[in-house]
Amino acid sequence: MIKLAIIGVGLIGGSLGLALKEKLGDRIYITGLCRTQRSMDNAMQLGAVDLASNDLEKIVGDADIIYLSTPVLQIVPMVEKILPYVKRGAIITDAGSTKQFIWDRLKKILPEGIYYIAGHPMTGREMSGVTAAKADLFKGKAYVIVEDTGAPPEVLERLTSVLRLTEAKFLTLDIAKHDRCASVISHVPHVTAAALVTLLNRSGGDLDSCIKLIGGGFKDTTRIASSNADMWADICMTNGEAIANNLRELQNILGEVIVAIEKKDRAAVHDYFAASKQRRDSLLEAVAFDPN
């Protein structure tokens, strides 16, 4: 029997539990750490875990795999708390959206015989909490595994053989490239979505009229602004260099568009939209026809 401990049974942790229970049933025993009694009750009732508790020793003491799905800034402090109870040979992995920050700290405190494998499921919803969890949340979505955190190949295979049951699409990246790419395709879009909502809030006397005009375009482009604020504040604090660099590049792009609009350079504005449409359409076509 596989023994899995999930630290933070929310959207991601709860979805992992549901997916693995659906595939393995009684062949996996899942314990879960939740912040509140209500979350514990929900996790148990939904079947995401077999046991929910706030007792660290009960949760991780016999676990083969420990899966951390807390906000990024809570991961290292949580590992420090659980280490006295973690058995030799256990694998610690996480769902954190930034990797270098975590690894720089964990490699200083992990004892020999306890392995850390950095992971990042590229999935989510604008809703949070275990009640938003879905057994198919990972299905077909990219799941990054970072291999350069010192775990031997057989340990890496032991973890991925379990995670593959989520039906995610696994790929490997080095830590630095992961953090740069995550900034471009996830972190900056979240900052930008929040900026669009902030722009609406700053529309002054037009606010009420703007709200009445809201349609699909605004809802689609700002959907992710409804995500968990604690999680995204932590991400910005732990991947700050990449996010700031890409936000500056976004400023440059918007600056170019501003100049073109002010000059009434229709050709430049047209090329801006056309190039973006061509790239996005090609991405959608690639995804639609990806045989994997």
C-alpha atoms as a PDB file:
ATOM      1  CA  MET A   1       0.000   0.000   0.000  1.00  0.00           C
ATOM      2  CA  ILE A   2       1.162   3.519  -0.841  1.00  0.00           C
ATOM      3  CA  LYS A   3       0.982   5.997   2.013  1.00  0.00           C
ATOM      4  CA  LEU A   4       0.578   9.594   0.916  1.00  0.00           C
ATOM      5  CA  ALA A   5       0.425  12.698   3.103  1.00  0.00           C
ATOM      6  CA  ILE A   6      -1.045  15.872   1.624  1.00  0.00           C
ATOM      7  CA  ILE A   7      -0.126  19.088   3.417  1.00  0.00           C
ATOM      8  CA  GLY A   8      -2.764  21.613   2.441  1.00  0.00           C
ATOM      9  CA  VAL A   9      -5.859  19.799   1.207  1.00  0.00           C
ATOM     10  CA  GLY A  10      -7.232  22.605  -0.936  1.00  0.00           C
ATOM     11  CA  LEU A  11      -7.881  22.805  -4.667  1.00  0.00           C
ATOM     12  CA  ILE A  12      -4.623  21.165  -5.774  1.00  0.00           C
ATOM     13  CA  GLY A  13      -4.071  18.831  -2.832  1.00  0.00           C
ATOM     14  CA  GLY A  14      -7.718  17.797  -2.781  1.00  0.00           C
ATOM     15  CA  SER A  15      -7.751  17.139  -6.527  1.00  0.00           C
ATOM     16  CA  LEU A  16      -4.645  14.977  -6.204  1.00  0.00           C
ATOM     17  CA  GLY A  17      -6.302  12.973  -3.444  1.00  0.00           C
ATOM     18  CA  LEU A  18      -9.491  12.502  -5.456  1.00  0.00           C
ATOM     19  CA  ALA A  19      -7.580  11.442  -8.571  1.00  0.00           C
ATOM     20  CA  LEU A  20      -5.430   8.887  -6.755  1.00  0.00           C
ATOM     21  CA  LYS A  21      -8.297   7.438  -4.699  1.00  0.00           C
ATOM     22  CA  GLU A  22     -10.283   7.069  -7.916  1.00  0.00           C
ATOM     23  CA  LYS A  23      -7.447   5.088  -9.527  1.00  0.00           C
ATOM     24  CA  LEU A  24      -6.050   3.166  -6.555  1.00  0.00           C
ATOM     25  CA  GLY A  25      -8.890   2.858  -4.060  1.00  0.00           C
ATOM     26  CA  ASP A  26      -7.751   0.937  -0.984  1.00  0.00           C
ATOM     27  CA  ARG A  27      -4.263   0.503  -2.444  1.00  0.00           C
ATOM     28  CA  ILE A  28      -3.439   4.023  -1.271  1.00  0.00           C
ATOM     29  CA  TYR A  29      -3.917   5.524   2.177  1.00  0.00           C
ATOM     30  CA  ILE A  30      -4.046   9.317   2.204  1.00  0.00           C
ATOM     31  CA  THR A  31      -3.659  11.547   5.227  1.00  0.00           C
ATOM     32  CA  GLY A  32      -4.298  15.269   4.996  1.00  0.00           C
ATOM     33  CA  LEU A  33      -3.377  18.353   6.978  1.00  0.00           C
ATOM     34  CA  CYS A  34      -5.991  21.086   6.884  1.00  0.00           C
ATOM     35  CA  ARG A  35      -6.127  24.531   8.473  1.00  0.00           C
ATOM     36  CA  THR A  36      -9.640  24.303   9.909  1.00  0.00           C
ATOM     37  CA  GLN A  37     -12.000  21.671  11.212  1.00  0.00           C
ATOM     38  CA  ARG A  38     -14.430  22.566   8.456  1.00  0.00           C
ATOM     39  CA  SER A  39     -11.758  21.846   5.824  1.00  0.00           C
ATOM     40  CA  MET A  40     -10.968  18.526   7.517  1.00  0.00           C
ATOM     41  CA  ASP A  41     -14.628  17.551   7.489  1.00  0.00           C
ATOM     42  CA  ASN A  42     -15.010  18.543   3.821  1.00  0.00           C
ATOM     43  CA  ALA A  43     -11.870  16.645   2.791  1.00  0.00           C
ATOM     44  CA  MET A  44     -13.136  13.484   4.497  1.00  0.00           C
ATOM     45  CA  GLN A  45     -16.685  13.799   3.182  1.00  0.00           C
ATOM     46  CA  LEU A  46     -15.500  14.358  -0.392  1.00  0.00           C
ATOM     47  CA  GLY A  47     -13.181  11.344  -0.188  1.00  0.00           C
ATOM     48  CA  ALA A  48     -10.009  13.303  -0.918  1.00  0.00           C
ATOM     49  CA  VAL A  49      -8.314  11.803   2.158  1.00  0.00           C
ATOM     50  CA  ASP A  50      -8.781   8.813   4.433  1.00  0.00           C
ATOM     51  CA  LEU A  51      -7.732  10.750   7.534  1.00  0.00           C
ATOM     52  CA  ALA A  52      -7.698  14.508   8.116  1.00  0.00           C
ATOM     53  CA  SER A  53      -5.961  15.957  11.142  1.00  0.00           C
ATOM     54  CA  ASN A  54      -3.856  18.842  12.401  1.00  0.00           C
ATOM     55  CA  ASP A  55      -1.504  16.435  14.182  1.00  0.00           C
ATOM     56  CA  LEU A  56       1.724  16.516  12.170  1.00  0.00           C
ATOM     57  CA  GLU A  57       3.025  13.189  13.420  1.00  0.00           C
ATOM     58  CA  LYS A  58      -0.223  11.415  12.488  1.00  0.00           C
ATOM     59  CA  ILE A  59      -0.160  12.972   9.041  1.00  0.00           C
ATOM     60  CA  VAL A  60       3.458  12.431   7.960  1.00  0.00           C
ATOM     61  CA  GLY A  61       4.889   9.860  10.382  1.00  0.00           C
ATOM     62  CA  ASP A  62       4.428   6.826   8.145  1.00  0.00           C
ATOM     63  CA  ALA A  63       4.143   8.546   4.763  1.00  0.00           C
ATOM     64  CA  ASP A  64       6.073   7.324   1.722  1.00  0.00           C
ATOM     65  CA  ILE A  65       5.306  10.534  -0.176  1.00  0.00           C
ATOM     66  CA  ILE A  66       4.624  13.945   1.327  1.00  0.00           C
ATOM     67  CA  TYR A  67       2.909  16.390  -1.024  1.00  0.00           C
ATOM     68  CA  LEU A  68       3.003  20.075  -0.071  1.00  0.00           C
ATOM     69  CA  SER A  69       0.339  22.232  -1.691  1.00  0.00           C
ATOM     70  CA  THR A  70       0.437  25.293   0.538  1.00  0.00           C
ATOM     71  CA  PRO A  71       1.254  28.865  -0.555  1.00  0.00           C
ATOM     72  CA  VAL A  72       4.941  29.065  -1.515  1.00  0.00           C
ATOM     73  CA  LEU A  73       6.156  31.001   1.527  1.00  0.00           C
ATOM     74  CA  GLN A  74       4.655  28.357   3.813  1.00  0.00           C
ATOM     75  CA  ILE A  75       6.459  25.390   2.224  1.00  0.00           C
ATOM     76  CA  VAL A  76       9.890  25.688   3.841  1.00  0.00           C
ATOM     77  CA  PRO A  77       8.544  26.487   7.335  1.00  0.00           C
ATOM     78  CA  MET A  78       6.206  23.499   7.017  1.00  0.00           C
ATOM     79  CA  VAL A  79       9.062  21.188   6.028  1.00  0.00           C
ATOM     80  CA  GLU A  80      10.972  22.384   9.085  1.00  0.00           C
ATOM     81  CA  LYS A  81       7.981  21.449  11.260  1.00  0.00           C
ATOM     82  CA  ILE A  82       7.447  17.983   9.806  1.00  0.00           C
ATOM     83  CA  LEU A  83      11.078  16.851   9.492  1.00  0.00           C
ATOM     84  CA  PRO A  84      11.252  15.375  13.028  1.00  0.00           C
ATOM     85  CA  TYR A  85       8.455  12.963  12.042  1.00  0.00           C
ATOM     86  CA  VAL A  86       9.467  12.098   8.446  1.00  0.00           C
ATOM     87  CA  LYS A  87      10.833   8.585   8.003  1.00  0.00           C
ATOM     88  CA  ARG A  88      14.054   7.802   6.161  1.00  0.00           C
ATOM     89  CA  GLY A  89      13.451   7.106   2.479  1.00  0.00           C
ATOM     90  CA  ALA A  90      10.399   9.372   2.265  1.00  0.00           C
ATOM     91  CA  ILE A  91       9.915  11.654  -0.736  1.00  0.00           C
ATOM     92  CA  ILE A  92       8.920  15.281  -0.253  1.00  0.00           C
ATOM     93  CA  THR A  93       7.434  17.013  -3.273  1.00  0.00           C
ATOM     94  CA  ASP A  94       5.382  20.136  -3.779  1.00  0.00           C
ATOM     95  CA  ALA A  95       3.052  22.000  -6.103  1.00  0.00           C
ATOM     96  CA  GLY A  96       4.710  25.389  -5.650  1.00  0.00           C
ATOM     97  CA  SER A  97       4.682  27.755  -8.599  1.00  0.00           C
ATOM     98  CA  THR A  98       8.271  28.874  -7.957  1.00  0.00           C
ATOM     99  CA  LYS A  99      11.118  26.434  -7.471  1.00  0.00           C
ATOM    100  CA  GLN A 100      14.523  28.074  -6.962  1.00  0.00           C
ATOM    101  CA  PHE A 101      13.426  29.883  -3.796  1.00  0.00           C
ATOM    102  CA  ILE A 102      12.253  26.633  -2.208  1.00  0.00           C
ATOM    103  CA  TRP A 103      15.233  24.494  -3.231  1.00  0.00           C
ATOM    104  CA  ASP A 104      17.812  27.055  -2.086  1.00  0.00           C
ATOM    105  CA  ARG A 105      16.408  26.703   1.430  1.00  0.00           C
ATOM    106  CA  LEU A 106      15.471  23.033   1.551  1.00  0.00           C
ATOM    107  CA  LYS A 107      18.889  21.775   0.448  1.00  0.00           C
ATOM    108  CA  LYS A 108      20.350  23.306   3.616  1.00  0.00           C
ATOM    109  CA  ILE A 109      18.025  21.475   6.008  1.00  0.00           C
ATOM    110  CA  LEU A 110      17.099  18.103   4.465  1.00  0.00           C
ATOM    111  CA  PRO A 111      18.856  15.184   6.196  1.00  0.00           C
ATOM    112  CA  GLU A 112      20.433  12.367   4.216  1.00  0.00           C
ATOM    113  CA  GLY A 113      17.918   9.757   3.104  1.00  0.00           C
ATOM    114  CA  ILE A 114      14.975  12.154   2.778  1.00  0.00           C
ATOM    115  CA  TYR A 115      14.484  13.288  -0.815  1.00  0.00           C
ATOM    116  CA  TYR A 116      13.000  16.432  -2.314  1.00  0.00           C
ATOM    117  CA  ILE A 117      11.681  16.433  -5.891  1.00  0.00           C
ATOM    118  CA  ALA A 118      10.364  19.781  -7.055  1.00  0.00           C
ATOM    119  CA  GLY A 119       7.123  19.681  -9.013  1.00  0.00           C
ATOM    120  CA  HIS A 120       4.595  22.077 -10.477  1.00  0.00           C
ATOM    121  CA  PRO A 121       1.227  21.026 -11.892  1.00  0.00           C
ATOM    122  CA  MET A 122       0.241  23.694 -14.413  1.00  0.00           C
ATOM    123  CA  THR A 123      -3.418  23.616 -13.583  1.00  0.00           C
ATOM    124  CA  GLY A 124      -5.917  25.321 -11.358  1.00  0.00           C
ATOM    125  CA  ARG A 125      -9.222  27.116 -11.133  1.00  0.00           C
ATOM    126  CA  GLU A 126     -10.205  30.591 -10.001  1.00  0.00           C
ATOM    127  CA  MET A 127     -11.949  28.927  -7.051  1.00  0.00           C
ATOM    128  CA  SER A 128     -10.013  27.667  -4.045  1.00  0.00           C
ATOM    129  CA  GLY A 129     -10.467  25.186  -1.210  1.00  0.00           C
ATOM    130  CA  VAL A 130     -11.105  21.464  -1.181  1.00  0.00           C
ATOM    131  CA  THR A 131     -14.748  21.925  -2.196  1.00  0.00           C
ATOM    132  CA  ALA A 132     -13.461  23.186  -5.565  1.00  0.00           C
ATOM    133  CA  ALA A 133     -11.307  20.056  -6.066  1.00  0.00           C
ATOM    134  CA  LYS A 134     -11.900  17.807  -9.084  1.00  0.00           C
ATOM    135  CA  ALA A 135     -10.556  14.320  -9.773  1.00  0.00           C
ATOM    136  CA  ASP A 136      -9.725  15.301 -13.363  1.00  0.00           C
ATOM    137  CA  LEU A 137      -8.072  18.662 -12.581  1.00  0.00           C
ATOM    138  CA  PHE A 138      -4.632  17.400 -13.687  1.00  0.00           C
ATOM    139  CA  LYS A 139      -5.823  15.409 -16.715  1.00  0.00           C
ATOM    140  CA  GLY A 140      -4.126  16.560 -19.914  1.00  0.00           C
ATOM    141  CA  LYS A 141      -2.378  19.455 -18.167  1.00  0.00           C
ATOM    142  CA  ALA A 142       1.375  20.026 -18.096  1.00  0.00           C
ATOM    143  CA  TYR A 143       3.124  18.854 -14.933  1.00  0.00           C
ATOM    144  CA  VAL A 144       6.730  19.978 -14.528  1.00  0.00           C
ATOM    145  CA  ILE A 145       9.175  17.798 -12.632  1.00  0.00           C
ATOM    146  CA  VAL A 146      12.533  19.368 -11.772  1.00  0.00           C
ATOM    147  CA  GLU A 147      15.176  16.655 -11.745  1.00  0.00           C
ATOM    148  CA  ASP A 148      18.140  18.650 -10.432  1.00  0.00           C
ATOM    149  CA  THR A 149      17.352  18.467  -6.727  1.00  0.00           C
ATOM    150  CA  GLY A 150      19.533  15.496  -5.908  1.00  0.00           C
ATOM    151  CA  ALA A 151      17.069  12.588  -5.832  1.00  0.00           C
ATOM    152  CA  PRO A 152      18.380   9.398  -7.508  1.00  0.00           C
ATOM    153  CA  PRO A 153      16.575   8.075 -10.623  1.00  0.00           C
ATOM    154  CA  GLU A 154      14.829   5.228  -8.782  1.00  0.00           C
ATOM    155  CA  VAL A 155      13.342   7.693  -6.283  1.00  0.00           C
ATOM    156  CA  LEU A 156      12.202   9.962  -9.099  1.00  0.00           C
ATOM    157  CA  GLU A 157      10.514   6.996 -10.781  1.00  0.00           C
ATOM    158  CA  ARG A 158       8.842   6.003  -7.515  1.00  0.00           C
ATOM    159  CA  LEU A 159       7.213   9.433  -7.316  1.00  0.00           C
ATOM    160  CA  THR A 160       6.296   9.850 -10.970  1.00  0.00           C
ATOM    161  CA  SER A 161       4.784   6.361 -11.169  1.00  0.00           C
ATOM    162  CA  VAL A 162       2.193   7.590  -8.675  1.00  0.00           C
ATOM    163  CA  LEU A 163       1.707  11.074 -10.115  1.00  0.00           C
ATOM    164  CA  ARG A 164       1.198   9.662 -13.641  1.00  0.00           C
ATOM    165  CA  LEU A 165      -2.120   8.271 -12.425  1.00  0.00           C
ATOM    166  CA  THR A 166      -3.453  11.849 -12.537  1.00  0.00           C
ATOM    167  CA  GLU A 167      -3.118  11.627 -16.361  1.00  0.00           C
ATOM    168  CA  ALA A 168      -1.143  14.860 -16.478  1.00  0.00           C
ATOM    169  CA  LYS A 169       1.447  15.432 -19.217  1.00  0.00           C
ATOM    170  CA  PHE A 170       4.872  15.297 -17.583  1.00  0.00           C
ATOM    171  CA  LEU A 171       7.929  17.213 -18.696  1.00  0.00           C
ATOM    172  CA  THR A 172      11.236  18.083 -17.097  1.00  0.00           C
ATOM    173  CA  LEU A 173      12.905  21.492 -16.849  1.00  0.00           C
ATOM    174  CA  ASP A 174      15.834  22.847 -14.918  1.00  0.00           C
ATOM    175  CA  ILE A 175      14.926  25.131 -12.027  1.00  0.00           C
ATOM    176  CA  ALA A 176      15.964  28.452 -13.567  1.00  0.00           C
ATOM    177  CA  LYS A 177      14.135  27.796 -16.836  1.00  0.00           C
ATOM    178  CA  HIS A 178      11.022  26.691 -14.958  1.00  0.00           C
ATOM    179  CA  ASP A 179      10.862  29.934 -12.995  1.00  0.00           C
ATOM    180  CA  ARG A 180      11.413  32.075 -16.099  1.00  0.00           C
ATOM    181  CA  CYS A 181       8.784  30.217 -18.135  1.00  0.00           C
ATOM    182  CA  ALA A 182       6.272  30.146 -15.288  1.00  0.00           C
ATOM    183  CA  SER A 183       6.627  33.904 -15.068  1.00  0.00           C
ATOM    184  CA  VAL A 184       5.755  34.353 -18.743  1.00  0.00           C
ATOM    185  CA  ILE A 185       2.835  31.944 -19.033  1.00  0.00           C
ATOM    186  CA  SER A 186       1.352  32.106 -15.520  1.00  0.00           C
ATOM    187  CA  HIS A 187       2.660  34.761 -13.139  1.00  0.00           C
ATOM    188  CA  VAL A 188       2.612  37.845 -15.363  1.00  0.00           C
ATOM    189  CA  PRO A 189      -0.850  36.971 -16.783  1.00  0.00           C
ATOM    190  CA  HIS A 190      -2.200  36.878 -13.226  1.00  0.00           C
ATOM    191  CA  VAL A 191      -0.648  40.256 -12.425  1.00  0.00           C
ATOM    192  CA  THR A 192      -2.045  41.612 -15.682  1.00  0.00           C
ATOM    193  CA  ALA A 193      -5.561  40.288 -15.043  1.00  0.00           C
ATOM    194  CA  ALA A 194      -5.522  41.983 -11.640  1.00  0.00           C
ATOM    195  CA  ALA A 195      -4.282  45.179 -13.314  1.00  0.00           C
ATOM    196  CA  LEU A 196      -7.276  45.184 -15.666  1.00  0.00           C
ATOM    197  CA  VAL A 197      -9.641  44.943 -12.701  1.00  0.00           C
ATOM    198  CA  THR A 198      -7.693  47.724 -10.995  1.00  0.00           C
ATOM    199  CA  LEU A 199      -8.070  49.816 -14.170  1.00  0.00           C
ATOM    200  CA  LEU A 200     -11.828  49.310 -13.954  1.00  0.00           C
ATOM    201  CA  ASN A 201     -11.795  50.341 -10.288  1.00  0.00           C
ATOM    202  CA  ARG A 202      -9.972  53.536 -11.242  1.00  0.00           C
ATOM    203  CA  SER A 203     -12.442  54.559 -13.929  1.00  0.00           C
ATOM    204  CA  GLY A 204     -13.864  57.211 -11.604  1.00  0.00           C
ATOM    205  CA  GLY A 205     -17.231  58.600 -12.553  1.00  0.00           C
ATOM    206  CA  ASP A 206     -17.510  56.079 -15.379  1.00  0.00           C
ATOM    207  CA  LEU A 207     -17.346  53.061 -13.035  1.00  0.00           C
ATOM    208  CA  ASP A 208     -21.074  52.330 -12.825  1.00  0.00           C
ATOM    209  CA  SER A 209     -21.520  52.630 -16.584  1.00  0.00           C
ATOM    210  CA  CYS A 210     -18.447  50.468 -17.256  1.00  0.00           C
ATOM    211  CA  ILE A 211     -19.786  47.737 -14.981  1.00  0.00           C
ATOM    212  CA  LYS A 212     -23.078  47.710 -16.891  1.00  0.00           C
ATOM    213  CA  LEU A 213     -21.172  47.169 -20.135  1.00  0.00           C
ATOM    214  CA  ILE A 214     -19.098  44.209 -18.917  1.00  0.00           C
ATOM    215  CA  GLY A 215     -19.327  41.253 -21.279  1.00  0.00           C
ATOM    216  CA  GLY A 216     -17.449  38.114 -22.215  1.00  0.00           C
ATOM    217  CA  GLY A 217     -14.212  39.827 -23.187  1.00  0.00           C
ATOM    218  CA  PHE A 218     -13.648  41.432 -19.803  1.00  0.00           C
ATOM    219  CA  LYS A 219     -14.812  38.333 -17.940  1.00  0.00           C
ATOM    220  CA  ASP A 220     -12.518  36.054 -19.962  1.00  0.00           C
ATOM    221  CA  THR A 221      -9.409  38.208 -19.642  1.00  0.00           C
ATOM    222  CA  THR A 222      -9.883  38.821 -15.902  1.00  0.00           C
ATOM    223  CA  ARG A 223     -11.109  35.376 -14.823  1.00  0.00           C
ATOM    224  CA  ILE A 224      -7.844  34.499 -13.076  1.00  0.00           C
ATOM    225  CA  ALA A 225      -7.961  37.713 -11.056  1.00  0.00           C
ATOM    226  CA  SER A 226     -10.357  35.777  -8.788  1.00  0.00           C
ATOM    227  CA  SER A 227      -7.506  33.487  -7.676  1.00  0.00           C
ATOM    228  CA  ASN A 228      -6.212  33.236  -4.110  1.00  0.00           C
ATOM    229  CA  ALA A 229      -4.471  36.480  -3.087  1.00  0.00           C
ATOM    230  CA  ASP A 230      -2.174  34.821  -0.509  1.00  0.00           C
ATOM    231  CA  MET A 231      -0.883  32.375  -3.099  1.00  0.00           C
ATOM    232  CA  TRP A 232      -0.162  35.066  -5.674  1.00  0.00           C
ATOM    233  CA  ALA A 233       1.478  37.447  -3.223  1.00  0.00           C
ATOM    234  CA  ASP A 234       3.834  34.597  -2.247  1.00  0.00           C
ATOM    235  CA  ILE A 235       4.607  33.841  -5.892  1.00  0.00           C
ATOM    236  CA  CYS A 236       5.544  37.458  -6.547  1.00  0.00           C
ATOM    237  CA  MET A 237       7.805  37.480  -3.492  1.00  0.00           C
ATOM    238  CA  THR A 238       9.593  34.271  -4.499  1.00  0.00           C
ATOM    239  CA  ASN A 239       9.972  34.742  -8.262  1.00  0.00           C
ATOM    240  CA  GLY A 240      10.388  38.487  -8.178  1.00  0.00           C
ATOM    241  CA  GLU A 241      13.287  38.886 -10.600  1.00  0.00           C
ATOM    242  CA  ALA A 242      11.670  36.952 -13.445  1.00  0.00           C
ATOM    243  CA  ILE A 243       8.262  38.541 -12.875  1.00  0.00           C
ATOM    244  CA  ALA A 244       9.667  42.068 -12.690  1.00  0.00           C
ATOM    245  CA  ASN A 245      11.776  41.535 -15.831  1.00  0.00           C
ATOM    246  CA  ASN A 246       8.805  40.265 -17.801  1.00  0.00           C
ATOM    247  CA  LEU A 247       6.514  43.020 -16.516  1.00  0.00           C
ATOM    248  CA  ARG A 248       9.080  45.562 -17.743  1.00  0.00           C
ATOM    249  CA  GLU A 249       9.072  43.884 -21.139  1.00  0.00           C
ATOM    250  CA  LEU A 250       5.265  44.029 -21.098  1.00  0.00           C
ATOM    251  CA  GLN A 251       5.540  47.744 -20.307  1.00  0.00           C
ATOM    252  CA  ASN A 252       7.789  48.129 -23.347  1.00  0.00           C
ATOM    253  CA  ILE A 253       5.268  46.333 -25.550  1.00  0.00           C
ATOM    254  CA  LEU A 254       2.396  48.478 -24.294  1.00  0.00           C
ATOM    255  CA  GLY A 255       4.568  51.555 -24.745  1.00  0.00           C
ATOM    256  CA  GLU A 256       5.119  50.652 -28.396  1.00  0.00           C
ATOM    257  CA  VAL A 257       1.374  50.225 -28.880  1.00  0.00           C
ATOM    258  CA  ILE A 258       0.671  53.554 -27.157  1.00  0.00           C
ATOM    259  CA  VAL A 259       3.075  55.338 -29.501  1.00  0.00           C
ATOM    260  CA  ALA A 260       1.541  53.668 -32.562  1.00  0.00           C
ATOM    261  CA  ILE A 261      -1.978  54.599 -31.478  1.00  0.00           C
ATOM    262  CA  GLU A 262      -1.042  58.191 -30.697  1.00  0.00           C
ATOM    263  CA  LYS A 263       0.667  58.495 -34.108  1.00  0.00           C
ATOM    264  CA  LYS A 264      -2.431  56.978 -35.730  1.00  0.00           C
ATOM    265  CA  ASP A 265      -0.122  54.385 -37.290  1.00  0.00           C
ATOM    266  CA  ARG A 266      -2.799  51.913 -38.297  1.00  0.00           C
ATOM    267  CA  ALA A 267      -0.353  49.568 -40.013  1.00  0.00           C
ATOM    268  CA  ALA A 268       1.718  49.180 -36.839  1.00  0.00           C
ATOM    269  CA  VAL A 269      -1.388  48.594 -34.714  1.00  0.00           C
ATOM    270  CA  HIS A 270      -2.733  46.110 -37.254  1.00  0.00           C
ATOM    271  CA  ASP A 271       0.584  44.224 -37.269  1.00  0.00           C
ATOM    272  CA  TYR A 272       0.536  44.089 -33.468  1.00  0.00           C
ATOM    273  CA  PHE A 273      -2.878  42.398 -33.419  1.00  0.00           C
ATOM    274  CA  ALA A 274      -2.179  40.207 -36.448  1.00  0.00           C
ATOM    275  CA  ALA A 275       1.079  38.815 -35.060  1.00  0.00           C
ATOM    276  CA  SER A 276      -0.561  38.039 -31.728  1.00  0.00           C
ATOM    277  CA  LYS A 277      -3.518  36.345 -33.414  1.00  0.00           C
ATOM    278  CA  GLN A 278      -1.219  34.242 -35.600  1.00  0.00           C
ATOM    279  CA  ARG A 279       0.858  33.090 -32.634  1.00  0.00           C
ATOM    280  CA  ARG A 280      -2.159  32.291 -30.444  1.00  0.00           C
ATOM    281  CA  ASP A 281      -3.981  30.463 -33.244  1.00  0.00           C
ATOM    282  CA  SER A 282      -0.888  28.350 -33.935  1.00  0.00           C
ATOM    283  CA  LEU A 283      -0.647  27.480 -30.241  1.00  0.00           C
ATOM    284  CA  LEU A 284      -4.298  26.415 -30.131  1.00  0.00           C
ATOM    285  CA  GLU A 285      -3.824  24.305 -33.267  1.00  0.00           C
ATOM    286  CA  ALA A 286      -0.770  22.633 -31.774  1.00  0.00           C
ATOM    287  CA  VAL A 287      -2.651  21.769 -28.598  1.00  0.00           C
ATOM    288  CA  ALA A 288      -5.698  20.525 -30.494  1.00  0.00           C
ATOM    289  CA  PHE A 289      -3.666  18.161 -32.656  1.00  0.00           C
ATOM    290  CA  ASP A 290      -1.052  17.079 -30.111  1.00  0.00           C
ATOM    291  CA  PRO A 291      -1.122  13.238 -30.289  1.00  0.00           C
ATOM    292  CA  ASN A 292       0.266  13.024 -26.729  1.00  0.00           C
END
